[in-house]
Amino acid sequence: MRLARRVMGLALLGVIVAVWAVTLRPQAIGGPAVFVAVRGSSMLPTYENGDLVVVGWADHYSVGDVVAYRVPAGEVGEGKVVLHRIVDGDAVHGFILEGDNNSAPDPWMPRQADMVGVASLRLAHAGSVINLVRQPVILAGLAAAIMVTLILARPLPPRPEAMRPRRPRLLTPGKGGGSAPSAG
């Protein structure tokens, strides 16, 4: 019974890792996904400030898709990742994008090469946690807490006197070692 549970647990872990590797592994390590933390209100009500959106690369993009793109080279904000909806355009001439809560399109017209991917999964408020952890003061505090925990969790080395074998102490009468039974 115990062995069966262990095998089932390992099989479940294998399935979880396989699903992660195929769907949620970041592009930085060869996977299909990019994680975008939403900042601001331009995509309300679809996405809220602090949401984490998983974006997956696609072969083509269409009007109506919510996509993440990098601001094209040579433009103000170059390289910044923006998450907005395609409202017009094409991959060759550039897409026209606009936030759901914006009244005007974005000033940039990214092309296929600038696209990061199509939004596929929303994790409510998870982006707030990631943005918080990225703060240098928070990172330093976490690093310090981990170091203190590692130091305190180490077993103490044995004391030198504890390593020597102890000899039994013999008690002798009259030398402060106790008293011998008296014959009386």
Protein backbone atom coordinates (compact mmCIF):
# COMPACT_ATOMS: atom_id res chain seq x y z
CA MET A 1 0.00 0.00 0.00
CA ARG A 2 2.79 2.42 0.93
CA LEU A 3 4.72 1.60 -2.24
CA ALA A 4 1.61 2.15 -4.36
CA ARG A 5 1.10 5.60 -2.83
CA ARG A 6 4.71 6.49 -3.44
CA VAL A 7 4.51 5.38 -7.08
CA MET A 8 1.26 7.32 -7.56
CA GLY A 9 2.84 10.42 -5.99
CA LEU A 10 5.86 10.20 -8.27
CA ALA A 11 3.63 9.65 -11.30
CA LEU A 12 1.53 12.71 -10.38
CA LEU A 13 4.69 14.78 -9.92
CA GLY A 14 5.90 13.60 -13.34
CA VAL A 15 2.62 14.67 -14.96
CA ILE A 16 2.75 18.09 -13.27
CA VAL A 17 6.34 18.65 -14.41
CA ALA A 18 5.46 17.55 -17.96
CA VAL A 19 2.45 19.90 -18.13
CA TRP A 20 4.58 22.75 -16.79
CA ALA A 21 7.35 22.03 -19.32
CA VAL A 22 4.92 21.99 -22.24
CA THR A 23 2.69 24.92 -21.22
CA LEU A 24 4.17 27.16 -18.53
CA ARG A 25 7.96 26.88 -18.90
CA PRO A 26 9.34 30.40 -19.46
CA GLN A 27 10.76 31.34 -22.87
CA ALA A 28 14.02 32.28 -21.12
CA ILE A 29 14.67 28.55 -20.60
CA GLY A 30 13.30 27.35 -23.93
CA GLY A 31 9.63 27.17 -23.05
CA PRO A 32 6.56 28.67 -24.71
CA ALA A 33 5.43 31.06 -21.95
CA VAL A 34 6.14 34.61 -20.84
CA PHE A 35 4.74 35.97 -17.59
CA VAL A 36 3.52 39.57 -17.71
CA ALA A 37 2.59 41.46 -14.56
CA VAL A 38 -0.19 43.95 -15.37
CA ARG A 39 0.52 47.53 -14.32
CA GLY A 40 -2.08 50.22 -14.57
CA SER A 41 -5.71 50.26 -15.65
CA SER A 42 -5.47 50.30 -19.45
CA MET A 43 -6.88 46.76 -19.79
CA LEU A 44 -9.82 47.08 -17.36
CA PRO A 45 -12.14 45.18 -17.05
CA THR A 46 -10.29 42.30 -18.77
CA TYR A 47 -7.17 42.54 -16.59
CA GLU A 48 -6.66 44.45 -13.35
CA ASN A 49 -3.57 46.10 -11.96
CA GLY A 50 -1.52 43.37 -10.26
CA ASP A 51 -2.78 40.43 -12.34
CA LEU A 52 -0.24 38.00 -13.78
CA VAL A 53 -0.93 37.03 -17.38
CA VAL A 54 0.67 34.00 -19.01
CA VAL A 55 1.42 34.75 -22.64
CA GLY A 56 2.21 32.09 -25.25
CA TRP A 57 3.95 32.65 -28.57
CA ALA A 58 1.78 32.24 -31.69
CA ASP A 59 2.46 31.83 -35.43
CA HIS A 60 0.01 34.58 -36.32
CA TYR A 61 -2.00 37.27 -34.57
CA SER A 62 -5.50 38.53 -35.37
CA VAL A 63 -7.72 41.50 -34.62
CA GLY A 64 -9.27 40.96 -31.20
CA ASP A 65 -6.33 39.04 -29.71
CA VAL A 66 -4.93 40.32 -26.43
CA VAL A 67 -1.18 40.23 -27.00
CA ALA A 68 2.04 41.20 -25.32
CA TYR A 69 4.60 42.99 -27.45
CA ARG A 70 7.91 44.72 -26.99
CA VAL A 71 8.02 48.40 -27.85
CA PRO A 72 9.91 48.46 -31.18
CA ALA A 73 13.60 49.43 -31.35
CA GLY A 74 14.25 53.13 -31.79
CA GLU A 75 10.99 54.12 -30.09
CA VAL A 76 10.54 55.75 -26.68
CA GLY A 77 10.20 52.89 -24.20
CA GLU A 78 12.16 50.49 -26.42
CA GLY A 79 12.00 46.88 -25.18
CA LYS A 80 9.20 47.52 -22.65
CA VAL A 81 6.52 44.79 -22.69
CA VAL A 82 2.96 46.07 -23.26
CA LEU A 83 -0.21 43.96 -22.98
CA HIS A 84 -3.02 45.33 -25.19
CA ARG A 85 -5.63 44.22 -27.73
CA ILE A 86 -5.08 44.21 -31.51
CA VAL A 87 -7.67 46.52 -33.08
CA ASP A 88 -6.30 46.69 -36.65
CA GLY A 89 -3.24 46.18 -38.84
CA ASP A 90 -1.17 43.19 -39.86
CA ALA A 91 2.17 41.49 -39.26
CA VAL A 92 3.89 43.15 -42.25
CA HIS A 93 2.86 46.79 -41.83
CA GLY A 94 2.43 46.67 -38.07
CA PHE A 95 -0.44 46.09 -35.70
CA ILE A 96 -2.56 48.82 -34.16
CA LEU A 97 -3.11 48.06 -30.50
CA GLU A 98 -5.19 49.67 -27.80
CA GLY A 99 -5.95 48.98 -24.17
CA ASP A 100 -9.57 48.00 -23.48
CA ASN A 101 -9.88 51.00 -21.14
CA ASN A 102 -8.03 53.47 -23.42
CA SER A 103 -9.68 55.93 -25.80
CA ALA A 104 -6.78 56.02 -28.30
CA PRO A 105 -4.48 53.42 -29.86
CA ASP A 106 -0.89 52.90 -28.74
CA PRO A 107 1.72 55.16 -30.41
CA TRP A 108 3.71 52.13 -31.55
CA MET A 109 2.94 49.76 -34.43
CA PRO A 110 4.72 46.51 -33.56
CA ARG A 111 5.30 43.87 -36.22
CA GLN A 112 5.40 40.09 -35.95
CA ALA A 113 9.01 40.16 -34.70
CA ASP A 114 8.04 42.46 -31.81
CA MET A 115 5.29 40.16 -30.55
CA VAL A 116 5.86 38.23 -27.34
CA GLY A 117 2.64 36.21 -27.54
CA VAL A 118 -1.10 35.89 -27.01
CA ALA A 119 -2.62 36.05 -23.52
CA SER A 120 -3.78 32.62 -22.43
CA LEU A 121 -4.12 32.54 -18.64
CA ARG A 122 -4.80 35.12 -15.92
CA LEU A 123 -3.71 34.69 -12.32
CA ALA A 124 -5.53 37.35 -10.32
CA HIS A 125 -3.24 39.53 -8.18
CA ALA A 126 -0.22 37.21 -8.60
CA GLY A 127 1.63 39.98 -10.44
CA SER A 128 1.49 42.16 -7.32
CA VAL A 129 3.48 39.54 -5.43
CA ILE A 130 6.07 39.33 -8.21
CA ASN A 131 6.38 43.13 -8.41
CA LEU A 132 6.81 43.26 -4.63
CA VAL A 133 9.51 40.58 -4.61
CA ARG A 134 11.41 42.41 -7.38
CA GLN A 135 11.97 45.42 -5.11
CA PRO A 136 15.65 45.59 -4.04
CA VAL A 137 14.82 46.13 -0.35
CA ILE A 138 12.48 43.12 -0.33
CA LEU A 139 15.06 40.98 -2.15
CA ALA A 140 17.73 41.94 0.37
CA GLY A 141 15.39 41.14 3.26
CA LEU A 142 14.51 37.74 1.78
CA ALA A 143 18.19 36.94 1.21
CA ALA A 144 19.02 37.91 4.81
CA ALA A 145 16.13 35.83 6.16
CA ILE A 146 17.27 32.79 4.16
CA MET A 147 20.84 33.17 5.40
CA VAL A 148 19.74 33.50 9.04
CA THR A 149 17.50 30.46 8.67
CA LEU A 150 20.32 28.41 7.16
CA ILE A 151 22.71 29.43 9.93
CA LEU A 152 20.23 28.70 12.71
CA ALA A 153 19.08 25.41 11.18
CA ARG A 154 22.62 23.94 11.08
CA PRO A 155 23.36 21.35 13.74
CA LEU A 156 25.92 22.54 16.25
CA PRO A 157 29.34 20.90 15.99
CA PRO A 158 30.17 18.57 18.87
CA ARG A 159 32.14 20.11 21.71
CA PRO A 160 35.70 18.79 22.12
CA GLU A 161 35.05 17.50 25.67
CA ALA A 162 32.00 15.62 24.47
CA MET A 163 34.17 13.72 21.99
CA ARG A 164 36.49 12.26 24.67
CA PRO A 165 35.36 8.98 26.22
CA ARG A 166 34.28 9.41 29.82
CA ARG A 167 35.91 7.31 32.50
CA PRO A 168 33.84 6.15 35.43
CA ARG A 169 34.68 8.10 38.56
CA LEU A 170 35.59 6.03 41.54
CA LEU A 171 34.52 7.24 44.92
CA THR A 172 37.07 6.92 47.70
CA PRO A 173 36.38 7.53 51.38
CA GLY A 174 37.80 10.64 52.91
CA LYS A 175 38.74 12.49 49.76
CA GLY A 176 35.53 14.37 49.17
CA GLY A 177 34.21 11.66 46.97
CA GLY A 178 31.46 10.66 49.31
CA SER A 179 31.36 8.32 52.26
CA ALA A 180 31.84 4.62 52.50
CA PRO A 181 29.25 2.58 54.27
CA SER A 182 30.21 2.12 57.91
CA ALA A 183 30.23 -1.17 59.66
CA GLY A 184 28.35 -0.82 62.69
